[in-house]
N, C-alpha and C. Protein backbone atom coordinates (compact mmCIF):
# COMPACT_ATOMS: atom_id res chain seq x y z
N UNK A 1 -84.09 82.65 -186.55
CA UNK A 1 -84.37 82.08 -185.25
C UNK A 1 -85.87 81.86 -185.11
N UNK A 2 -86.27 80.65 -184.81
CA UNK A 2 -87.67 80.34 -184.57
C UNK A 2 -87.88 80.20 -183.08
N UNK A 3 -88.84 80.92 -182.56
CA UNK A 3 -89.12 80.93 -181.14
C UNK A 3 -90.24 79.95 -180.84
N UNK A 4 -90.01 79.10 -179.84
CA UNK A 4 -91.05 78.17 -179.39
C UNK A 4 -91.63 78.71 -178.09
N UNK A 5 -92.93 78.90 -178.07
CA UNK A 5 -93.60 79.37 -176.85
C UNK A 5 -94.58 78.31 -176.41
N UNK A 6 -94.36 77.80 -175.21
CA UNK A 6 -95.20 76.75 -174.64
C UNK A 6 -96.05 77.37 -173.55
N UNK A 7 -97.35 77.17 -173.63
CA UNK A 7 -98.25 77.70 -172.62
C UNK A 7 -98.03 77.06 -171.27
N UNK A 8 -98.26 77.81 -170.21
CA UNK A 8 -98.10 77.27 -168.86
C UNK A 8 -99.10 76.15 -168.60
N UNK A 9 -98.77 75.25 -167.67
CA UNK A 9 -99.68 74.14 -167.37
C UNK A 9 -100.96 74.64 -166.72
N UNK A 10 -102.04 73.94 -166.95
CA UNK A 10 -103.31 74.31 -166.34
C UNK A 10 -103.40 73.80 -164.91
N UNK A 11 -102.60 72.79 -164.61
CA UNK A 11 -102.46 72.29 -163.25
C UNK A 11 -100.98 72.05 -163.01
N UNK A 12 -100.58 72.09 -161.79
CA UNK A 12 -99.17 71.85 -161.49
C UNK A 12 -98.80 72.51 -160.19
N UNK A 13 -97.62 72.20 -159.73
CA UNK A 13 -97.12 72.78 -158.49
C UNK A 13 -96.76 74.24 -158.65
N UNK A 14 -96.56 74.90 -157.53
CA UNK A 14 -96.25 76.33 -157.54
C UNK A 14 -94.99 76.64 -158.33
N UNK A 15 -93.92 75.93 -158.06
CA UNK A 15 -92.65 76.23 -158.73
C UNK A 15 -92.72 75.96 -160.22
N UNK A 16 -93.32 74.84 -160.58
CA UNK A 16 -93.47 74.49 -161.99
C UNK A 16 -94.29 75.55 -162.72
N UNK A 17 -95.34 76.03 -162.08
CA UNK A 17 -96.21 77.03 -162.68
C UNK A 17 -95.49 78.38 -162.83
N UNK A 18 -94.79 78.81 -161.78
CA UNK A 18 -94.04 80.06 -161.87
C UNK A 18 -92.98 79.98 -162.96
N UNK A 19 -92.26 78.88 -163.00
CA UNK A 19 -91.20 78.69 -164.01
C UNK A 19 -91.82 78.73 -165.42
N UNK A 20 -92.94 78.07 -165.60
CA UNK A 20 -93.58 78.01 -166.92
C UNK A 20 -94.10 79.38 -167.35
N UNK A 21 -94.71 80.13 -166.43
CA UNK A 21 -95.20 81.47 -166.78
C UNK A 21 -94.04 82.40 -167.12
N UNK A 22 -92.94 82.30 -166.38
CA UNK A 22 -91.79 83.14 -166.67
C UNK A 22 -91.22 82.80 -168.05
N UNK A 23 -91.07 81.53 -168.34
CA UNK A 23 -90.57 81.14 -169.66
C UNK A 23 -91.53 81.53 -170.78
N UNK A 24 -92.83 81.45 -170.51
CA UNK A 24 -93.83 81.85 -171.49
C UNK A 24 -93.65 83.34 -171.84
N UNK A 25 -93.46 84.17 -170.82
CA UNK A 25 -93.29 85.60 -171.07
C UNK A 25 -91.95 85.92 -171.72
N UNK A 26 -90.91 85.17 -171.38
CA UNK A 26 -89.63 85.35 -172.05
C UNK A 26 -89.79 85.05 -173.55
N UNK A 27 -90.47 83.95 -173.85
CA UNK A 27 -90.69 83.57 -175.25
C UNK A 27 -91.57 84.59 -175.97
N UNK A 28 -92.52 85.17 -175.26
CA UNK A 28 -93.38 86.18 -175.87
C UNK A 28 -92.57 87.39 -176.31
N UNK A 29 -91.65 87.84 -175.46
CA UNK A 29 -90.81 88.98 -175.86
C UNK A 29 -90.00 88.64 -177.11
N UNK A 30 -89.45 87.44 -177.15
CA UNK A 30 -88.69 87.03 -178.33
C UNK A 30 -89.58 87.00 -179.58
N UNK A 31 -90.80 86.51 -179.44
CA UNK A 31 -91.73 86.46 -180.57
C UNK A 31 -92.07 87.86 -181.09
N UNK A 32 -92.17 88.82 -180.19
CA UNK A 32 -92.50 90.20 -180.58
C UNK A 32 -91.42 90.81 -181.47
N UNK A 33 -90.22 90.26 -181.42
CA UNK A 33 -89.10 90.82 -182.18
C UNK A 33 -88.75 89.99 -183.41
N UNK A 34 -89.37 88.86 -183.54
CA UNK A 34 -89.01 87.91 -184.61
C UNK A 34 -89.21 88.53 -186.00
N UNK A 35 -88.20 88.33 -186.84
CA UNK A 35 -88.29 88.75 -188.24
C UNK A 35 -88.01 90.22 -188.50
N UNK A 36 -87.60 90.97 -187.49
CA UNK A 36 -87.34 92.39 -187.68
C UNK A 36 -85.84 92.65 -187.84
N UNK A 37 -85.52 93.67 -188.59
CA UNK A 37 -84.12 94.08 -188.78
C UNK A 37 -83.65 94.84 -187.54
N UNK A 38 -82.33 95.03 -187.45
CA UNK A 38 -81.79 95.84 -186.36
C UNK A 38 -82.39 97.24 -186.36
N UNK A 39 -82.52 97.81 -187.53
CA UNK A 39 -83.09 99.16 -187.64
C UNK A 39 -84.52 99.19 -187.11
N UNK A 40 -85.32 98.19 -187.49
CA UNK A 40 -86.70 98.14 -187.00
C UNK A 40 -86.73 97.94 -185.49
N UNK A 41 -85.84 97.10 -184.97
CA UNK A 41 -85.80 96.86 -183.53
C UNK A 41 -85.40 98.09 -182.74
N UNK A 42 -84.63 98.97 -183.35
CA UNK A 42 -84.20 100.22 -182.70
C UNK A 42 -85.22 101.34 -182.85
N UNK A 43 -86.24 101.15 -183.67
CA UNK A 43 -87.22 102.21 -183.93
C UNK A 43 -87.93 102.58 -182.62
N UNK A 44 -87.90 103.88 -182.33
CA UNK A 44 -88.48 104.38 -181.09
C UNK A 44 -89.96 104.64 -181.24
N UNK A 45 -90.67 104.56 -180.12
CA UNK A 45 -92.12 104.65 -180.15
C UNK A 45 -92.61 106.02 -180.62
N UNK A 46 -92.39 107.04 -179.84
CA UNK A 46 -92.77 108.40 -180.20
C UNK A 46 -92.08 109.35 -179.24
N UNK A 47 -91.72 110.54 -179.72
CA UNK A 47 -91.05 111.50 -178.84
C UNK A 47 -91.96 111.85 -177.66
N UNK A 48 -91.43 112.06 -176.50
CA UNK A 48 -90.02 112.08 -176.15
C UNK A 48 -89.47 110.71 -175.76
N UNK A 49 -90.29 109.66 -175.83
CA UNK A 49 -89.86 108.33 -175.42
C UNK A 49 -88.76 107.79 -176.33
N UNK A 50 -87.80 107.11 -175.75
CA UNK A 50 -86.76 106.43 -176.52
C UNK A 50 -87.00 104.93 -176.52
N UNK A 51 -88.18 104.50 -176.06
CA UNK A 51 -88.50 103.08 -175.95
C UNK A 51 -88.51 102.41 -177.32
N UNK A 52 -87.85 101.27 -177.39
CA UNK A 52 -87.82 100.46 -178.62
C UNK A 52 -87.84 98.99 -178.22
N UNK A 53 -88.12 98.13 -179.18
CA UNK A 53 -88.09 96.69 -178.89
C UNK A 53 -86.70 96.25 -178.45
N UNK A 54 -85.67 96.76 -179.11
CA UNK A 54 -84.31 96.40 -178.72
C UNK A 54 -84.00 96.91 -177.31
N UNK A 55 -84.48 98.10 -177.00
CA UNK A 55 -84.31 98.64 -175.66
C UNK A 55 -84.99 97.78 -174.60
N UNK A 56 -86.16 97.23 -174.93
CA UNK A 56 -86.85 96.34 -174.00
C UNK A 56 -86.05 95.06 -173.76
N UNK A 57 -85.48 94.50 -174.81
CA UNK A 57 -84.66 93.29 -174.66
C UNK A 57 -83.45 93.60 -173.78
N UNK A 58 -82.80 94.73 -174.03
CA UNK A 58 -81.65 95.13 -173.23
C UNK A 58 -82.06 95.34 -171.76
N UNK A 59 -83.20 95.99 -171.56
CA UNK A 59 -83.69 96.22 -170.20
C UNK A 59 -83.95 94.90 -169.48
N UNK A 60 -84.56 93.95 -170.18
CA UNK A 60 -84.86 92.67 -169.52
C UNK A 60 -83.59 91.88 -169.21
N UNK A 61 -82.53 92.08 -169.97
CA UNK A 61 -81.24 91.47 -169.60
C UNK A 61 -80.79 92.05 -168.26
N UNK A 62 -80.94 93.35 -168.08
CA UNK A 62 -80.58 93.98 -166.81
C UNK A 62 -81.43 93.46 -165.67
N UNK A 63 -82.73 93.33 -165.90
CA UNK A 63 -83.65 92.88 -164.87
C UNK A 63 -83.32 91.45 -164.45
N UNK A 64 -83.09 90.58 -165.42
CA UNK A 64 -82.73 89.19 -165.11
C UNK A 64 -81.44 89.16 -164.28
N UNK A 65 -80.44 89.92 -164.71
CA UNK A 65 -79.15 89.95 -164.01
C UNK A 65 -79.32 90.47 -162.59
N UNK A 66 -80.03 91.59 -162.46
CA UNK A 66 -80.16 92.22 -161.15
C UNK A 66 -80.87 91.31 -160.15
N UNK A 67 -81.99 90.74 -160.53
CA UNK A 67 -82.77 89.97 -159.58
C UNK A 67 -82.21 88.58 -159.31
N UNK A 68 -81.77 87.90 -160.33
CA UNK A 68 -81.29 86.54 -160.09
C UNK A 68 -79.82 86.50 -159.66
N UNK A 69 -78.96 87.17 -160.40
CA UNK A 69 -77.53 87.07 -160.09
C UNK A 69 -77.13 87.96 -158.91
N UNK A 70 -77.58 89.20 -158.92
CA UNK A 70 -77.16 90.13 -157.87
C UNK A 70 -77.93 89.91 -156.58
N UNK A 71 -79.24 89.75 -156.66
CA UNK A 71 -80.05 89.62 -155.44
C UNK A 71 -80.03 88.19 -154.92
N UNK A 72 -80.54 87.24 -155.68
CA UNK A 72 -80.67 85.87 -155.17
C UNK A 72 -79.31 85.19 -155.03
N UNK A 73 -78.43 85.34 -156.00
CA UNK A 73 -77.13 84.66 -155.96
C UNK A 73 -76.05 85.47 -155.24
N UNK A 74 -76.33 86.73 -154.93
CA UNK A 74 -75.39 87.56 -154.19
C UNK A 74 -74.12 87.90 -154.94
N UNK A 75 -74.17 87.91 -156.28
CA UNK A 75 -72.97 88.23 -157.07
C UNK A 75 -72.73 89.74 -157.07
N UNK A 76 -71.49 90.12 -156.87
CA UNK A 76 -71.10 91.53 -156.89
C UNK A 76 -70.63 91.87 -158.30
N UNK A 77 -71.58 92.12 -159.17
CA UNK A 77 -71.29 92.41 -160.58
C UNK A 77 -72.07 93.65 -161.00
N UNK A 78 -71.54 94.41 -161.96
CA UNK A 78 -72.27 95.58 -162.45
C UNK A 78 -73.43 95.14 -163.34
N UNK A 79 -74.25 96.11 -163.69
CA UNK A 79 -75.28 95.85 -164.69
C UNK A 79 -74.58 95.58 -166.03
N UNK A 80 -75.32 95.11 -167.00
CA UNK A 80 -74.75 94.80 -168.31
C UNK A 80 -74.26 96.06 -169.02
N UNK A 81 -75.10 97.11 -169.00
CA UNK A 81 -74.79 98.31 -169.78
C UNK A 81 -74.43 99.53 -168.93
N UNK A 82 -74.41 99.40 -167.62
CA UNK A 82 -74.10 100.55 -166.78
C UNK A 82 -73.31 100.14 -165.55
N UNK A 83 -72.10 100.61 -165.47
CA UNK A 83 -71.29 100.37 -164.27
C UNK A 83 -71.81 101.16 -163.08
N UNK A 84 -72.58 102.21 -163.34
CA UNK A 84 -73.12 103.06 -162.28
C UNK A 84 -74.47 102.59 -161.75
N UNK A 85 -75.00 101.51 -162.30
CA UNK A 85 -76.28 100.99 -161.83
C UNK A 85 -77.49 101.72 -162.37
N UNK A 86 -77.35 102.40 -163.49
CA UNK A 86 -78.44 103.16 -164.10
C UNK A 86 -79.20 102.26 -165.09
N UNK A 87 -80.36 101.81 -164.67
CA UNK A 87 -81.17 100.91 -165.50
C UNK A 87 -81.65 101.57 -166.79
N UNK A 88 -81.76 102.89 -166.79
CA UNK A 88 -82.26 103.60 -167.96
C UNK A 88 -81.33 103.50 -169.16
N UNK A 89 -80.04 103.28 -168.91
CA UNK A 89 -79.06 103.17 -170.00
C UNK A 89 -79.46 102.07 -170.98
N UNK A 90 -80.01 100.99 -170.46
CA UNK A 90 -80.38 99.85 -171.32
C UNK A 90 -81.46 100.22 -172.34
N UNK A 91 -82.35 101.13 -171.97
CA UNK A 91 -83.43 101.50 -172.89
C UNK A 91 -82.92 102.20 -174.15
N UNK A 92 -81.80 102.87 -174.04
CA UNK A 92 -81.24 103.57 -175.19
C UNK A 92 -80.46 102.58 -176.04
N UNK A 93 -81.10 102.05 -177.05
CA UNK A 93 -80.49 101.01 -177.88
C UNK A 93 -79.40 101.56 -178.78
N UNK A 94 -79.39 102.88 -179.01
CA UNK A 94 -78.34 103.51 -179.82
C UNK A 94 -78.08 102.73 -181.10
N UNK A 95 -76.85 102.28 -181.27
CA UNK A 95 -76.46 101.50 -182.44
C UNK A 95 -76.36 100.01 -182.12
N UNK A 96 -76.99 99.59 -181.02
CA UNK A 96 -76.96 98.17 -180.66
C UNK A 96 -77.54 97.30 -181.77
N UNK A 97 -77.17 96.06 -181.73
CA UNK A 97 -77.68 95.09 -182.70
C UNK A 97 -78.48 94.01 -182.01
N UNK A 98 -79.27 93.33 -182.81
CA UNK A 98 -80.02 92.17 -182.29
C UNK A 98 -79.06 91.19 -181.63
N UNK A 99 -77.95 90.91 -182.32
CA UNK A 99 -77.00 89.92 -181.79
C UNK A 99 -76.48 90.33 -180.42
N UNK A 100 -76.07 91.57 -180.28
CA UNK A 100 -75.53 92.05 -179.01
C UNK A 100 -76.58 91.96 -177.89
N UNK A 101 -77.76 92.50 -178.14
CA UNK A 101 -78.81 92.54 -177.13
C UNK A 101 -79.30 91.14 -176.77
N UNK A 102 -79.54 90.32 -177.78
CA UNK A 102 -80.07 88.98 -177.51
C UNK A 102 -79.03 88.07 -176.88
N UNK A 103 -77.77 88.23 -177.25
CA UNK A 103 -76.72 87.44 -176.59
C UNK A 103 -76.68 87.76 -175.10
N UNK A 104 -76.73 89.05 -174.76
CA UNK A 104 -76.71 89.45 -173.36
C UNK A 104 -77.96 88.94 -172.64
N UNK A 105 -79.12 89.10 -173.26
CA UNK A 105 -80.37 88.67 -172.64
C UNK A 105 -80.38 87.16 -172.44
N UNK A 106 -80.02 86.41 -173.47
CA UNK A 106 -80.01 84.95 -173.36
C UNK A 106 -79.01 84.47 -172.31
N UNK A 107 -77.87 85.13 -172.23
CA UNK A 107 -76.88 84.78 -171.20
C UNK A 107 -77.48 84.96 -169.81
N UNK A 108 -78.17 86.07 -169.60
CA UNK A 108 -78.76 86.33 -168.29
C UNK A 108 -79.92 85.38 -168.00
N UNK A 109 -80.71 85.04 -169.01
CA UNK A 109 -81.81 84.08 -168.82
C UNK A 109 -81.23 82.71 -168.43
N UNK A 110 -80.16 82.31 -169.08
CA UNK A 110 -79.52 81.02 -168.74
C UNK A 110 -79.00 81.02 -167.31
N UNK A 111 -78.36 82.11 -166.90
CA UNK A 111 -77.91 82.22 -165.50
C UNK A 111 -79.10 82.13 -164.56
N UNK A 112 -80.17 82.87 -164.86
CA UNK A 112 -81.35 82.89 -164.01
C UNK A 112 -81.95 81.49 -163.87
N UNK A 113 -82.05 80.78 -164.97
CA UNK A 113 -82.59 79.41 -164.91
C UNK A 113 -81.74 78.51 -164.03
N UNK A 114 -80.42 78.60 -164.16
CA UNK A 114 -79.53 77.78 -163.33
C UNK A 114 -79.68 78.12 -161.85
N UNK A 115 -79.74 79.40 -161.55
CA UNK A 115 -79.89 79.83 -160.16
C UNK A 115 -81.20 79.33 -159.59
N UNK A 116 -82.27 79.47 -160.35
CA UNK A 116 -83.59 79.01 -159.87
C UNK A 116 -83.61 77.49 -159.70
N UNK A 117 -83.05 76.77 -160.64
CA UNK A 117 -83.07 75.31 -160.57
C UNK A 117 -82.25 74.78 -159.40
N UNK A 118 -81.16 75.47 -159.05
CA UNK A 118 -80.29 75.02 -157.95
C UNK A 118 -80.83 75.41 -156.58
N UNK A 119 -81.73 76.35 -156.53
CA UNK A 119 -82.29 76.79 -155.25
C UNK A 119 -83.10 75.66 -154.62
N UNK A 120 -82.92 75.47 -153.33
CA UNK A 120 -83.62 74.39 -152.62
C UNK A 120 -85.13 74.56 -152.64
N UNK A 121 -85.57 75.80 -152.56
CA UNK A 121 -87.00 76.05 -152.55
C UNK A 121 -87.27 77.48 -152.97
N UNK A 122 -88.53 77.81 -153.10
CA UNK A 122 -88.92 79.19 -153.42
C UNK A 122 -88.73 80.12 -152.23
N UNK A 123 -88.45 79.54 -151.07
CA UNK A 123 -88.24 80.34 -149.86
C UNK A 123 -86.80 80.82 -149.72
N UNK A 124 -85.91 80.40 -150.62
CA UNK A 124 -84.53 80.91 -150.62
C UNK A 124 -84.60 82.41 -150.72
N UNK A 125 -83.75 83.12 -149.96
CA UNK A 125 -83.78 84.57 -150.00
C UNK A 125 -82.45 85.16 -150.46
N UNK A 126 -82.55 86.36 -150.95
CA UNK A 126 -81.39 87.17 -151.30
C UNK A 126 -81.66 88.57 -150.81
N UNK A 127 -80.62 89.39 -150.79
CA UNK A 127 -80.77 90.74 -150.27
C UNK A 127 -80.95 91.73 -151.42
N UNK A 128 -82.01 92.49 -151.35
CA UNK A 128 -82.30 93.52 -152.34
C UNK A 128 -81.82 94.84 -151.74
N UNK A 129 -80.62 95.24 -152.13
CA UNK A 129 -79.95 96.38 -151.51
C UNK A 129 -80.71 97.70 -151.69
N UNK A 130 -81.35 97.87 -152.83
CA UNK A 130 -82.04 99.14 -153.11
C UNK A 130 -83.07 99.47 -152.03
N UNK A 131 -83.79 98.44 -151.59
CA UNK A 131 -84.79 98.65 -150.54
C UNK A 131 -84.29 98.19 -149.17
N UNK A 132 -83.10 97.59 -149.14
CA UNK A 132 -82.51 97.16 -147.89
C UNK A 132 -83.23 96.01 -147.21
N UNK A 133 -83.84 95.14 -148.02
CA UNK A 133 -84.60 94.03 -147.45
C UNK A 133 -84.27 92.73 -148.15
N UNK A 134 -84.51 91.64 -147.44
CA UNK A 134 -84.38 90.32 -148.05
C UNK A 134 -85.65 89.99 -148.80
N UNK A 135 -85.50 89.29 -149.91
CA UNK A 135 -86.65 88.88 -150.72
C UNK A 135 -86.51 87.41 -151.07
N UNK A 136 -87.62 86.74 -151.25
CA UNK A 136 -87.61 85.32 -151.59
C UNK A 136 -87.50 85.11 -153.09
N UNK A 137 -87.04 83.93 -153.46
CA UNK A 137 -87.02 83.54 -154.87
C UNK A 137 -88.44 83.59 -155.44
N UNK A 138 -89.43 83.23 -154.64
CA UNK A 138 -90.83 83.29 -155.07
C UNK A 138 -91.18 84.71 -155.51
N UNK A 139 -90.83 85.71 -154.67
CA UNK A 139 -91.12 87.10 -155.01
C UNK A 139 -90.39 87.51 -156.28
N UNK A 140 -89.14 87.10 -156.41
CA UNK A 140 -88.36 87.46 -157.60
C UNK A 140 -89.02 86.90 -158.86
N UNK A 141 -89.43 85.64 -158.81
CA UNK A 141 -90.06 85.04 -159.99
C UNK A 141 -91.37 85.75 -160.32
N UNK A 142 -92.17 86.06 -159.29
CA UNK A 142 -93.41 86.78 -159.53
C UNK A 142 -93.14 88.18 -160.07
N UNK A 143 -92.12 88.84 -159.53
CA UNK A 143 -91.77 90.18 -160.02
C UNK A 143 -91.38 90.13 -161.49
N UNK A 144 -90.58 89.13 -161.88
CA UNK A 144 -90.17 89.05 -163.28
C UNK A 144 -91.34 88.73 -164.20
N UNK A 145 -92.26 87.89 -163.74
CA UNK A 145 -93.47 87.62 -164.54
C UNK A 145 -94.22 88.94 -164.77
N UNK A 146 -94.37 89.70 -163.72
CA UNK A 146 -95.04 91.01 -163.81
C UNK A 146 -94.28 91.94 -164.76
N UNK A 147 -92.96 91.99 -164.61
CA UNK A 147 -92.13 92.88 -165.42
C UNK A 147 -92.23 92.51 -166.91
N UNK A 148 -92.13 91.22 -167.21
CA UNK A 148 -92.27 90.79 -168.61
C UNK A 148 -93.67 91.07 -169.14
N UNK A 149 -94.69 90.78 -168.35
CA UNK A 149 -96.06 90.99 -168.83
C UNK A 149 -96.29 92.47 -169.17
N UNK A 150 -95.81 93.35 -168.31
CA UNK A 150 -95.97 94.79 -168.55
C UNK A 150 -95.23 95.20 -169.81
N UNK A 151 -93.98 94.77 -169.92
CA UNK A 151 -93.18 95.17 -171.08
C UNK A 151 -93.63 94.47 -172.36
N UNK A 152 -94.20 93.29 -172.26
CA UNK A 152 -94.76 92.64 -173.45
C UNK A 152 -95.96 93.42 -173.98
N UNK A 153 -96.67 94.09 -173.09
CA UNK A 153 -97.73 94.99 -173.54
C UNK A 153 -97.16 96.16 -174.32
N UNK A 154 -96.05 96.71 -173.82
CA UNK A 154 -95.38 97.77 -174.57
C UNK A 154 -94.91 97.24 -175.92
N UNK A 155 -94.37 96.03 -175.90
CA UNK A 155 -93.87 95.43 -177.14
C UNK A 155 -94.98 95.23 -178.17
N UNK A 156 -96.20 94.95 -177.70
CA UNK A 156 -97.35 94.84 -178.62
C UNK A 156 -97.50 96.12 -179.43
N UNK A 157 -97.51 97.24 -178.74
CA UNK A 157 -97.70 98.53 -179.42
C UNK A 157 -96.51 98.87 -180.31
N UNK A 158 -95.31 98.61 -179.83
CA UNK A 158 -94.12 98.90 -180.63
C UNK A 158 -94.14 98.08 -181.92
N UNK A 159 -94.44 96.79 -181.81
CA UNK A 159 -94.44 95.93 -183.00
C UNK A 159 -95.53 96.36 -183.98
N UNK A 160 -96.70 96.67 -183.48
CA UNK A 160 -97.77 97.11 -184.37
C UNK A 160 -97.36 98.37 -185.11
N UNK A 161 -96.67 99.29 -184.42
CA UNK A 161 -96.23 100.52 -185.06
C UNK A 161 -95.16 100.31 -186.13
N UNK A 162 -94.43 99.20 -186.04
CA UNK A 162 -93.37 98.92 -187.00
C UNK A 162 -93.92 98.30 -188.28
N UNK A 163 -94.71 97.24 -188.12
CA UNK A 163 -95.18 96.54 -189.33
C UNK A 163 -96.63 96.08 -189.29
N UNK A 164 -97.37 96.56 -188.29
CA UNK A 164 -98.78 96.22 -188.21
C UNK A 164 -99.10 94.88 -187.58
N UNK A 165 -98.07 94.12 -187.19
CA UNK A 165 -98.30 92.81 -186.59
C UNK A 165 -98.91 92.96 -185.19
N UNK A 166 -99.99 92.23 -184.96
CA UNK A 166 -100.65 92.23 -183.65
C UNK A 166 -100.93 90.79 -183.24
N UNK A 167 -101.16 90.60 -181.96
CA UNK A 167 -101.62 89.31 -181.46
C UNK A 167 -100.58 88.22 -181.36
N UNK A 168 -99.31 88.59 -181.34
CA UNK A 168 -98.27 87.57 -181.21
C UNK A 168 -98.18 87.13 -179.78
């Protein structure tokens, strides 16, 4: 699989810019995992942490599902890996495979893109039950950009620890 990462526009409208930054960070996570075996993707950072690249991909599938499908689209569906709503389950990659994790993540990214594209504006709101408040699509997109950026930093260290690759 070859990952194409396109930099965000230097000028553009708010929605176009948010969409481009989110896609840029999605592609960055994929690049951080490129060329690694399932075993390497499951390699944990250091005790007591169970964090791995595969765990990050699984976690981001949960994040995409929760914010776009459950919050903005109002779908009554469980998380991908936890019927009880425990986000931590995704981090434990166990015997997961690249195919399983990436299929789930890509499915959720595709749903998220469709939901965002169909929304009339960034002012569309959904209900975030955990905090009991309505949130805008704008906030959700910004939150996901933040979430990916933070976890891509983790992915930098994880990848370097696996094979020395830096700067992807």
